[in-house]
Amino acid sequence: MPKMKAKSAAKKRFAFTGTGKIKRKHAYHSHILTKKETTQKRNLDHTALVSRDDEQRVKRMLLA
């Protein structure tokens, strides 16, 4: 049986931390930035963690 492949889209969007949590980027930070406040853009620049509810789903996509 062939190896299970991880989803390429998920590989590009998520990364594991050293403790095994999953990092993600914020949405709404790619275009139409002129109408957004500087504070909002600065806050969207940081990475966030995937919520507990979605962790299993993302792990299944990455570790398939």
Protein backbone atom coordinates (compact mmCIF):
# COMPACT_ATOMS: atom_id res chain seq x y z
CA MET A 1 0.00 0.00 0.00
CA PRO A 2 1.40 3.46 -0.86
CA LYS A 3 2.31 6.02 1.75
CA MET A 4 -0.37 8.45 2.92
CA LYS A 5 0.48 11.97 1.81
CA ALA A 6 -0.05 15.10 3.89
CA LYS A 7 -2.22 17.81 2.34
CA SER A 8 0.02 20.25 0.46
CA ALA A 9 -2.22 23.21 1.31
CA ALA A 10 -2.01 22.41 5.03
CA LYS A 11 1.79 22.08 4.86
CA LYS A 12 1.99 25.63 3.53
CA ARG A 13 -0.37 27.11 6.12
CA PHE A 14 0.47 25.42 9.42
CA ALA A 15 3.60 24.64 11.44
CA PHE A 16 4.25 22.80 14.68
CA THR A 17 5.76 24.50 17.71
CA GLY A 18 8.39 22.80 19.84
CA THR A 19 5.74 21.65 22.32
CA GLY A 20 3.50 20.17 19.61
CA LYS A 21 0.94 22.95 19.27
CA ILE A 22 0.04 24.17 15.79
CA LYS A 23 0.81 27.71 14.62
CA ARG A 24 -1.27 29.56 12.04
CA LYS A 25 -1.35 32.98 10.44
CA HIS A 26 -4.15 35.50 10.79
CA ALA A 27 -6.61 36.10 7.98
CA TYR A 28 -7.32 39.54 6.43
CA HIS A 29 -3.66 40.55 6.13
CA SER A 30 -3.01 39.98 2.44
CA HIS A 31 -4.78 42.73 0.48
CA ILE A 32 -6.96 45.85 0.78
CA LEU A 33 -4.70 47.06 3.57
CA THR A 34 -5.24 50.78 2.95
CA LYS A 35 -8.58 50.90 4.74
CA LYS A 36 -7.35 48.95 7.78
CA GLU A 37 -5.93 50.68 10.83
CA THR A 38 -2.22 50.38 11.55
CA THR A 39 -2.98 48.70 14.87
CA GLN A 40 -5.15 46.08 13.20
CA LYS A 41 -2.48 45.32 10.59
CA ARG A 42 0.18 45.06 13.28
CA ASN A 43 -1.93 42.66 15.34
CA LEU A 44 -2.68 40.51 12.30
CA ASP A 45 1.05 40.22 11.57
CA HIS A 46 1.71 37.91 14.54
CA THR A 47 1.15 34.18 14.44
CA ALA A 48 -1.60 32.55 16.46
CA LEU A 49 -2.33 29.03 17.64
CA VAL A 50 -4.95 26.75 16.15
CA SER A 51 -7.90 26.34 18.52
CA ARG A 52 -8.38 23.08 20.42
CA ASP A 53 -11.52 22.32 18.41
CA ASP A 54 -9.63 22.41 15.11
CA GLU A 55 -6.37 20.81 16.27
CA GLN A 56 -7.36 17.21 15.49
CA ARG A 57 -8.58 18.16 12.03
CA VAL A 58 -5.35 20.01 11.18
CA LYS A 59 -3.17 17.22 12.61
CA ARG A 60 -4.98 14.68 10.44
CA MET A 61 -4.23 16.81 7.38
CA LEU A 62 -0.55 17.21 8.29
CA LEU A 63 0.27 13.74 9.60
CA ALA A 64 -1.66 11.67 7.06
